Amino acid sequence: MEMKEVFETYESNVRSYCRSFPSVFAKAKGSIITDVDGNEYIDFFCGAGAVNYGHNNDYIKAKLIDYLANDGILHSLDMMTNVKADFIEYFEEKVLKPRGLDYKIMFPAPTGTNAIEAALKLARKVKKRTNVWALMGCFHGMTLGALSLTTDRTDRNGAGVPLDYVTHIPAPYMFENFDTINYMETLLTDDHSGIDKPAAFVIETVQAEGGVYIFDNKWLQDVRALCDRHDILLIIDDIQVGCARTGTFFSFERAGIKPDMLIMSKSIGGYGLPFALTLFSPELDIWLPGEHNGTFRGNQLAVVAAKAGLEFMLENNIEAEAKRKEKVIRDYLENNVARDGIEIRGIGCIFGIDVGSGEKASAISKACFKRGLIIELAGRDNCVVKPMPALTIPDETLLKGLEIIKEAVDEVIG
């Protein structure tokens, strides 16, 4: 049986990315993925944001090999370990405190969606309210609580049960001259709004899967003020756009705000290893022991990789590198790809090329793949081509990938 036939014969229909990129991959290094036939592809997908520091990053890999070679404990549930203590101390002292942040750290099961679930449970427990607000266009995960926040119709239809206790607010980009802050204020103060006051408002500062929409600093500040006025917890989902993706380690730093809760996963694992964190202000820590748990919470190998990833990020000034690359990407796309019917949006090393049609975007992605570039789609009707390279990608490789996008857009759109 040929290798591809194994997947087509035995793997579930639920598989998705392999349909967009129909090669059998064998190796990856930096920003290059190689298939079993030796064909090389530039990676503008970046594991959906899970490998911000590149595939098989040498610094992180050395730490992992050393830990494995010395029989470091790999499975410990939430028992105390030396590497977990090292990670917590480093994260607090080198990342949180320098940014004026004071959070307790929770290790949920090792996926972003579970970190969201933990935050929802804790927010409702703290505020003793059932309703939660989220934005239209958001993506927060595929388990039932996180899926109740997520707005993609196909994703929601897969739940099989009602997705309740969430009110969706129009995102600020959706309607011209529509004041979402005033709208939310009205929902909270009008005794005929029909909307229950939420325990929390869950947002991304950049709607990545929603089409790469960047919320401006003033709007984020106004949201923080609204939540303060009405005793609502502000939860920021930094799963995809955290870990320096936007040019600062946390995506909300540019607005000078502090969320009450913060969700991290993907590249906080440092190496593509499963890892997630739910962070919250100390006064919110009213959990009972074991009230939220998971067999693989605090995955020890991922903890080692996470600390190494933080060290690599800080020692190599990756935040500044992401900001520098933002200009390279923006200049190229605006000068070579933007045209009538195409809108360019982006920040740091995440961009959206909105071509207004899912059919066109799909054709562009396929044309890119044929030329040796892996790039995914986002947004309504998947009409946005989403360049999201590693933050460590060499400029030469970055520009080569951008040139492939231009060629694909020229082929599909003209």
Protein backbone atom coordinates (compact mmCIF):
# COMPACT_ATOMS: atom_id res chain seq x y z
CA MET A 1 0.00 0.00 0.00
CA GLU A 2 1.37 3.44 -0.93
CA MET A 3 1.93 5.79 1.97
CA LYS A 4 -0.88 8.19 1.04
CA GLU A 5 -3.29 5.27 0.77
CA VAL A 6 -2.71 4.44 4.44
CA PHE A 7 -4.22 7.77 5.45
CA GLU A 8 -7.02 7.66 2.89
CA THR A 9 -7.95 4.11 3.88
CA TYR A 10 -7.63 4.16 7.65
CA GLU A 11 -7.63 7.73 8.95
CA SER A 12 -10.90 9.48 9.75
CA ASN A 13 -12.58 11.89 7.36
CA VAL A 14 -12.03 14.57 10.00
CA ARG A 15 -8.47 15.15 8.76
CA SER A 16 -8.14 18.59 7.20
CA TYR A 17 -4.69 20.13 6.67
CA CYS A 18 -3.44 17.09 4.79
CA ARG A 19 -6.12 17.78 2.18
CA SER A 20 -4.67 21.24 1.58
CA PHE A 21 -1.06 20.05 1.56
CA PRO A 22 -1.18 16.53 0.04
CA SER A 23 2.41 15.43 0.57
CA VAL A 24 3.83 12.98 3.10
CA PHE A 25 6.29 15.00 5.16
CA ALA A 26 9.40 13.58 6.76
CA LYS A 27 11.68 16.33 8.09
CA ALA A 28 11.60 19.97 9.11
CA LYS A 29 14.31 22.45 10.00
CA GLY A 30 13.90 26.15 10.59
CA SER A 31 11.40 27.31 7.97
CA ILE A 32 11.83 24.41 5.54
CA ILE A 33 9.68 21.25 5.55
CA THR A 34 10.81 18.28 3.43
CA ASP A 35 8.61 15.48 2.16
CA VAL A 36 9.52 11.82 1.69
CA ASP A 37 10.47 12.47 -1.95
CA GLY A 38 12.95 15.18 -0.99
CA ASN A 39 10.79 18.13 -2.08
CA GLU A 40 11.28 21.22 0.08
CA TYR A 41 8.58 23.65 1.11
CA ILE A 42 8.88 27.07 2.76
CA ASP A 43 6.65 27.07 5.84
CA PHE A 44 4.31 30.06 6.12
CA PHE A 45 1.90 28.04 8.28
CA CYS A 46 4.16 27.59 11.31
CA GLY A 47 2.09 24.83 12.89
CA ALA A 48 -0.83 27.28 13.19
CA GLY A 49 1.51 29.32 15.39
CA ALA A 50 2.97 26.43 17.38
CA VAL A 51 6.57 26.75 16.15
CA ASN A 52 7.28 30.48 16.31
CA TYR A 53 11.00 29.81 16.77
CA GLY A 54 11.26 27.48 13.79
CA HIS A 55 11.20 23.71 13.41
CA ASN A 56 13.77 21.81 15.46
CA ASN A 57 15.26 24.96 16.94
CA ASP A 58 18.83 24.01 17.91
CA TYR A 59 18.83 25.76 21.28
CA ILE A 60 15.59 24.15 22.43
CA LYS A 61 16.48 20.77 20.95
CA ALA A 62 19.74 20.62 22.92
CA LYS A 63 17.83 21.18 26.18
CA LEU A 64 15.35 18.44 25.31
CA ILE A 65 18.03 15.92 24.34
CA ASP A 66 19.93 16.60 27.55
CA TYR A 67 16.77 16.14 29.64
CA LEU A 68 15.91 12.86 27.93
CA ALA A 69 19.47 11.58 28.13
CA ASN A 70 19.46 12.12 31.90
CA ASP A 71 16.15 10.29 32.44
CA GLY A 72 14.29 13.41 33.51
CA ILE A 73 10.78 12.66 34.70
CA LEU A 74 8.34 12.89 31.78
CA HIS A 75 4.98 12.26 33.39
CA SER A 76 4.10 13.72 36.78
CA LEU A 77 0.50 15.01 36.59
CA ASP A 78 0.69 18.13 38.78
CA MET A 79 3.31 16.88 41.22
CA MET A 80 6.25 19.16 41.95
CA THR A 81 9.33 18.76 39.76
CA ASN A 82 12.58 20.66 39.47
CA VAL A 83 11.98 21.66 35.83
CA LYS A 84 8.49 22.90 36.62
CA ALA A 85 9.90 25.07 39.41
CA ASP A 86 12.56 26.40 37.02
CA PHE A 87 9.93 27.28 34.41
CA ILE A 88 7.60 29.02 36.88
CA GLU A 89 10.40 31.09 38.40
CA TYR A 90 11.82 32.06 35.00
CA PHE A 91 8.40 32.96 33.59
CA GLU A 92 7.53 35.09 36.62
CA GLU A 93 10.91 36.84 36.94
CA LYS A 94 11.89 37.29 33.29
CA VAL A 95 8.56 37.63 31.49
CA LEU A 96 5.72 38.67 33.80
CA LYS A 97 7.33 40.99 36.36
CA PRO A 98 9.31 43.09 33.82
CA ARG A 99 5.95 43.76 32.13
CA GLY A 100 4.24 44.71 35.38
CA LEU A 101 2.08 41.57 35.39
CA ASP A 102 1.14 39.57 38.47
CA TYR A 103 -0.52 36.25 37.66
CA LYS A 104 -0.97 32.87 39.25
CA ILE A 105 -0.06 30.12 36.80
CA MET A 106 -2.38 27.20 36.14
CA PHE A 107 -1.33 24.16 34.13
CA PRO A 108 -4.47 22.74 32.50
CA ALA A 109 -4.44 19.85 30.05
CA PRO A 110 -1.98 20.59 27.24
CA THR A 111 -4.22 22.23 24.63
CA GLY A 112 -5.42 25.77 24.13
CA THR A 113 -9.06 24.80 24.16
CA ASN A 114 -8.67 23.23 27.62
CA ALA A 115 -7.02 26.40 28.90
CA ILE A 116 -10.10 28.29 27.67
CA GLU A 117 -12.38 25.79 29.41
CA ALA A 118 -10.52 26.34 32.69
CA ALA A 119 -10.84 30.12 32.35
CA LEU A 120 -14.59 29.90 31.68
CA LYS A 121 -15.15 27.66 34.69
CA LEU A 122 -13.13 29.92 36.97
CA ALA A 123 -14.73 33.14 35.71
CA ARG A 124 -18.24 31.78 36.31
CA LYS A 125 -17.20 30.47 39.71
CA VAL A 126 -15.72 33.82 40.76
CA LYS A 127 -18.51 36.06 39.49
CA LYS A 128 -21.40 33.63 40.08
CA ARG A 129 -22.82 34.47 36.65
CA THR A 130 -23.45 32.05 33.80
CA ASN A 131 -23.28 34.32 30.76
CA VAL A 132 -20.02 35.13 28.92
CA TRP A 133 -19.48 37.55 26.05
CA ALA A 134 -17.35 36.94 22.96
CA LEU A 135 -16.92 38.66 19.61
CA MET A 136 -18.37 37.62 16.29
CA GLY A 137 -15.56 36.33 14.08
CA CYS A 138 -13.66 34.74 16.96
CA PHE A 139 -12.10 31.31 17.33
CA HIS A 140 -11.36 29.95 20.80
CA GLY A 141 -11.35 26.16 20.42
CA MET A 142 -13.42 23.07 19.63
CA THR A 143 -14.45 21.62 22.99
CA LEU A 144 -17.98 22.54 24.03
CA GLY A 145 -17.24 25.53 26.27
CA ALA A 146 -14.68 27.00 23.89
CA LEU A 147 -16.91 26.15 20.93
CA SER A 148 -19.77 28.09 22.50
CA LEU A 149 -17.51 31.15 22.15
CA THR A 150 -16.36 30.30 18.61
CA THR A 151 -18.59 31.66 15.85
CA ASP A 152 -17.76 29.68 12.69
CA ARG A 153 -21.03 28.02 11.68
CA THR A 154 -19.48 24.77 10.45
CA ASP A 155 -17.50 24.37 13.67
CA ARG A 156 -20.58 25.06 15.79
CA ASN A 157 -22.77 22.66 13.81
CA GLY A 158 -20.39 19.87 14.74
CA ALA A 159 -21.25 20.19 18.44
CA GLY A 160 -24.50 18.24 18.21
CA VAL A 161 -25.95 20.06 21.24
CA PRO A 162 -27.03 23.65 21.93
CA LEU A 163 -24.14 26.01 22.62
CA ASP A 164 -25.56 28.24 25.32
CA TYR A 165 -24.61 30.86 27.91
CA VAL A 166 -22.68 33.09 25.48
CA THR A 167 -23.68 36.42 23.94
CA HIS A 168 -21.83 37.37 20.75
CA ILE A 169 -21.00 41.03 20.22
CA PRO A 170 -20.38 42.43 16.71
CA ALA A 171 -16.66 42.89 16.15
CA PRO A 172 -15.64 46.55 15.68
CA TYR A 173 -14.72 46.05 12.01
CA MET A 174 -18.05 44.53 10.99
CA PHE A 175 -20.26 47.60 10.56
CA GLU A 176 -19.27 51.09 9.46
CA ASN A 177 -19.88 53.78 12.09
CA PHE A 178 -21.05 51.20 14.64
CA ASP A 179 -19.82 51.87 18.18
CA THR A 180 -19.38 48.47 19.79
CA ILE A 181 -18.35 50.00 23.12
CA ASN A 182 -21.55 52.05 23.30
CA TYR A 183 -23.53 48.98 22.21
CA MET A 184 -22.10 46.90 25.07
CA GLU A 185 -22.66 49.77 27.52
CA THR A 186 -26.30 49.83 26.44
CA LEU A 187 -26.67 46.07 26.87
CA LEU A 188 -25.41 46.45 30.43
CA THR A 189 -27.37 49.53 31.47
CA ASP A 190 -30.68 49.26 29.59
CA ASP A 191 -33.06 47.23 31.75
CA HIS A 192 -34.81 46.10 28.57
CA SER A 193 -31.73 44.87 26.70
CA GLY A 194 -32.66 41.26 27.38
CA ILE A 195 -28.97 40.33 27.78
CA ASP A 196 -27.59 38.99 31.04
CA LYS A 197 -24.53 40.64 32.53
CA PRO A 198 -21.55 38.39 31.78
CA ALA A 199 -18.97 36.94 34.13
CA ALA A 200 -16.32 37.66 31.51
CA PHE A 201 -15.62 39.09 28.08
CA VAL A 202 -13.30 36.82 26.05
CA ILE A 203 -11.38 38.40 23.16
CA GLU A 204 -8.38 37.99 20.89
CA THR A 205 -6.48 41.23 20.25
CA VAL A 206 -6.01 39.97 16.70
CA GLN A 207 -8.69 37.73 15.24
CA ALA A 208 -6.37 35.31 13.48
CA GLU A 209 -8.71 32.56 12.28
CA GLY A 210 -11.34 35.26 11.85
CA GLY A 211 -9.35 36.81 9.00
CA VAL A 212 -6.43 38.66 10.66
CA TYR A 213 -8.28 41.67 12.04
CA ILE A 214 -6.16 43.79 14.39
CA PHE A 215 -8.09 45.65 17.10
CA ASP A 216 -6.68 49.10 17.65
CA ASN A 217 -5.19 50.20 20.94
CA LYS A 218 -7.97 52.66 21.80
CA TRP A 219 -10.65 50.02 21.37
CA LEU A 220 -8.74 47.58 23.60
CA GLN A 221 -8.33 50.31 26.23
CA ASP A 222 -12.04 51.09 26.06
CA VAL A 223 -12.88 47.41 26.52
CA ARG A 224 -10.64 47.27 29.58
CA ALA A 225 -12.40 50.35 31.01
CA LEU A 226 -15.85 48.91 30.25
CA CYS A 227 -15.02 45.68 32.07
CA ASP A 228 -13.70 47.67 35.04
CA ARG A 229 -16.86 49.81 35.22
CA HIS A 230 -19.15 46.81 35.24
CA ASP A 231 -17.17 44.24 37.25
CA ILE A 232 -16.58 41.96 34.26
CA LEU A 233 -13.44 39.86 33.90
CA LEU A 234 -11.43 40.56 30.75
CA ILE A 235 -10.00 37.33 29.33
CA ILE A 236 -7.49 37.58 26.47
CA ASP A 237 -6.86 34.55 24.28
CA ASP A 238 -3.19 34.78 23.23
CA ILE A 239 -2.96 31.22 21.98
CA GLN A 240 -2.08 32.02 18.38
CA VAL A 241 -0.85 35.62 18.48
CA GLY A 242 1.17 35.46 21.69
CA CYS A 243 4.85 34.49 22.14
CA ALA A 244 6.14 37.54 20.22
CA ARG A 245 4.02 36.90 17.10
CA THR A 246 2.76 40.52 17.03
CA GLY A 247 6.11 42.09 17.98
CA THR A 248 5.66 41.96 21.74
CA PHE A 249 5.58 38.76 23.78
CA PHE A 250 1.96 39.35 24.77
CA SER A 251 -0.21 40.75 22.02
CA PHE A 252 -1.97 43.24 24.34
CA GLU A 253 1.21 45.04 25.44
CA ARG A 254 0.87 47.61 22.65
CA ALA A 255 -2.36 48.87 24.25
CA GLY A 256 -0.93 49.14 27.76
CA ILE A 257 -3.71 47.01 29.27
CA LYS A 258 -3.69 44.07 31.65
CA PRO A 259 -6.27 41.28 31.30
CA ASP A 260 -7.70 39.58 34.38
CA MET A 261 -7.07 36.22 32.74
CA LEU A 262 -4.71 35.25 29.97
CA ILE A 263 -4.71 32.09 27.86
CA MET A 264 -1.56 30.73 26.22
CA SER A 265 -0.71 27.60 24.27
CA LYS A 266 0.90 26.76 20.90
CA SER A 267 4.39 28.36 20.97
CA ILE A 268 4.53 28.58 24.76
CA GLY A 269 5.42 24.89 24.30
CA GLY A 270 8.58 26.12 22.61
CA TYR A 271 9.00 23.29 20.13
CA GLY A 272 5.55 22.29 18.97
CA LEU A 273 5.13 20.21 22.12
CA PRO A 274 1.63 20.28 23.69
CA PHE A 275 1.47 22.82 26.50
CA ALA A 276 -1.05 25.37 27.74
CA LEU A 277 -1.32 27.93 30.52
CA THR A 278 -4.25 29.69 32.13
CA LEU A 279 -3.00 32.78 33.96
CA PHE A 280 -5.11 34.91 36.29
CA SER A 281 -4.88 37.62 38.92
CA PRO A 282 -4.09 36.12 42.35
CA GLU A 283 -7.39 37.18 43.92
CA LEU A 284 -9.26 35.02 41.39
CA ASP A 285 -7.52 31.84 42.53
CA ILE A 286 -10.47 30.27 44.37
CA TRP A 287 -10.11 26.79 42.87
CA LEU A 288 -10.55 23.79 45.12
CA PRO A 289 -7.69 21.26 44.83
CA GLY A 290 -8.29 19.10 41.76
CA GLU A 291 -11.40 21.03 40.73
CA HIS A 292 -10.01 21.22 37.20
CA ASN A 293 -7.43 18.66 36.16
CA GLY A 294 -6.04 16.48 33.38
CA THR A 295 -3.68 13.53 33.16
CA PHE A 296 -1.21 15.41 30.96
CA ARG A 297 -1.31 18.83 32.58
CA GLY A 298 2.13 20.32 32.88
CA ASN A 299 3.72 17.98 30.29
CA GLN A 300 7.30 17.88 31.60
CA LEU A 301 9.10 17.69 28.26
CA ALA A 302 7.03 20.66 27.07
CA VAL A 303 7.91 22.50 30.30
CA VAL A 304 11.61 22.06 29.48
CA ALA A 305 10.99 23.27 25.92
CA ALA A 306 8.89 26.20 27.13
CA LYS A 307 11.62 27.55 29.40
CA ALA A 308 14.19 27.08 26.65
CA GLY A 309 11.87 28.86 24.22
CA LEU A 310 11.54 31.82 26.58
CA GLU A 311 15.31 31.96 26.99
CA PHE A 312 15.80 31.85 23.23
CA MET A 313 13.16 34.55 22.70
CA LEU A 314 14.71 36.95 25.21
CA GLU A 315 18.38 36.27 24.45
CA ASN A 316 17.84 36.73 20.69
CA ASN A 317 15.53 39.73 20.97
CA ILE A 318 12.85 37.95 18.96
CA GLU A 319 10.24 40.63 19.72
CA ALA A 320 12.28 43.25 17.87
CA GLU A 321 12.95 40.77 15.08
CA ALA A 322 9.21 40.22 14.60
CA LYS A 323 8.66 43.98 14.40
CA ARG A 324 11.48 44.34 11.87
CA LYS A 325 10.07 41.56 9.72
CA GLU A 326 6.63 43.19 9.87
CA LYS A 327 7.96 46.05 7.75
CA VAL A 328 9.57 43.63 5.27
CA ILE A 329 6.30 41.72 4.86
CA ARG A 330 4.09 44.81 4.71
CA ASP A 331 6.29 46.60 2.17
CA TYR A 332 6.44 43.58 -0.10
CA LEU A 333 2.71 42.80 0.04
CA GLU A 334 1.60 46.42 -0.39
CA ASN A 335 4.01 46.99 -3.31
CA ASN A 336 3.57 43.67 -5.11
CA VAL A 337 0.35 41.95 -4.07
CA ALA A 338 -2.17 44.66 -3.11
CA ARG A 339 -4.48 45.68 -5.97
CA ASP A 340 -8.16 46.31 -6.60
CA GLY A 341 -10.22 43.78 -4.67
CA ILE A 342 -7.38 42.79 -2.33
CA GLU A 343 -6.91 44.14 1.20
CA ILE A 344 -3.71 43.66 3.22
CA ARG A 345 -3.95 43.46 7.03
CA GLY A 346 -1.24 42.50 9.47
CA ILE A 347 0.92 43.04 12.51
CA GLY A 348 4.28 41.52 13.43
CA CYS A 349 4.59 38.23 11.57
CA ILE A 350 0.93 37.49 10.97
CA PHE A 351 -0.75 38.93 7.88
CA GLY A 352 -3.96 38.48 5.98
CA ILE A 353 -4.39 38.89 2.22
CA ASP A 354 -8.14 39.30 1.84
CA VAL A 355 -9.09 38.43 -1.75
CA GLY A 356 -12.84 38.54 -1.07
CA SER A 357 -13.53 35.01 -2.30
CA GLY A 358 -12.94 31.60 -0.77
CA GLU A 359 -12.63 30.09 -4.24
CA LYS A 360 -9.86 32.51 -5.20
CA ALA A 361 -8.07 32.14 -1.87
CA SER A 362 -8.14 28.35 -2.15
CA ALA A 363 -6.73 28.54 -5.67
CA ILE A 364 -3.94 30.84 -4.45
CA SER A 365 -3.04 28.47 -1.60
CA LYS A 366 -2.91 25.53 -4.03
CA ALA A 367 -0.78 27.53 -6.48
CA CYS A 368 1.59 28.40 -3.63
CA PHE A 369 1.90 24.75 -2.62
CA LYS A 370 2.76 23.71 -6.18
CA ARG A 371 5.56 26.30 -6.09
CA GLY A 372 6.89 25.06 -2.73
CA LEU A 373 5.10 27.22 -0.12
CA ILE A 374 2.78 26.03 2.64
CA ILE A 375 0.23 28.70 3.50
CA GLU A 376 -3.20 28.47 5.09
CA LEU A 377 -6.52 30.32 4.80
CA ALA A 378 -8.70 32.14 7.32
CA GLY A 379 -11.75 34.37 7.63
CA ARG A 380 -15.32 34.23 6.41
CA ASP A 381 -15.62 31.73 3.56
CA ASN A 382 -11.85 31.19 3.98
CA CYS A 383 -11.31 34.21 1.75
CA VAL A 384 -8.08 35.33 3.46
CA VAL A 385 -4.64 33.95 2.60
CA LYS A 386 -2.65 34.04 5.84
CA PRO A 387 1.17 34.38 5.74
CA MET A 388 2.45 33.37 9.19
CA PRO A 389 6.16 32.51 8.97
CA ALA A 390 8.43 31.61 11.85
CA LEU A 391 9.78 34.65 13.68
CA THR A 392 13.27 33.30 12.98
CA ILE A 393 12.88 32.90 9.21
CA PRO A 394 15.90 34.26 7.29
CA ASP A 395 15.09 37.32 5.16
CA GLU A 396 16.10 35.52 1.97
CA THR A 397 13.64 32.69 2.66
CA LEU A 398 10.94 35.14 3.74
CA LEU A 399 11.25 37.13 0.51
CA LYS A 400 11.27 33.96 -1.57
CA GLY A 401 8.03 32.89 0.09
CA LEU A 402 6.46 36.32 -0.49
CA GLU A 403 7.51 36.14 -4.14
CA ILE A 404 5.71 32.81 -4.45
CA ILE A 405 2.56 34.45 -3.06
CA LYS A 406 2.85 37.20 -5.67
CA GLU A 407 3.23 34.64 -8.45
CA ALA A 408 0.21 32.71 -7.19
CA VAL A 409 -1.94 35.84 -6.92
CA ASP A 410 -0.88 36.89 -10.42
CA GLU A 411 -1.85 33.45 -11.72
CA VAL A 412 -5.24 33.33 -10.02
CA ILE A 413 -6.35 36.97 -10.08
CA GLY A 414 -4.12 38.63 -12.67
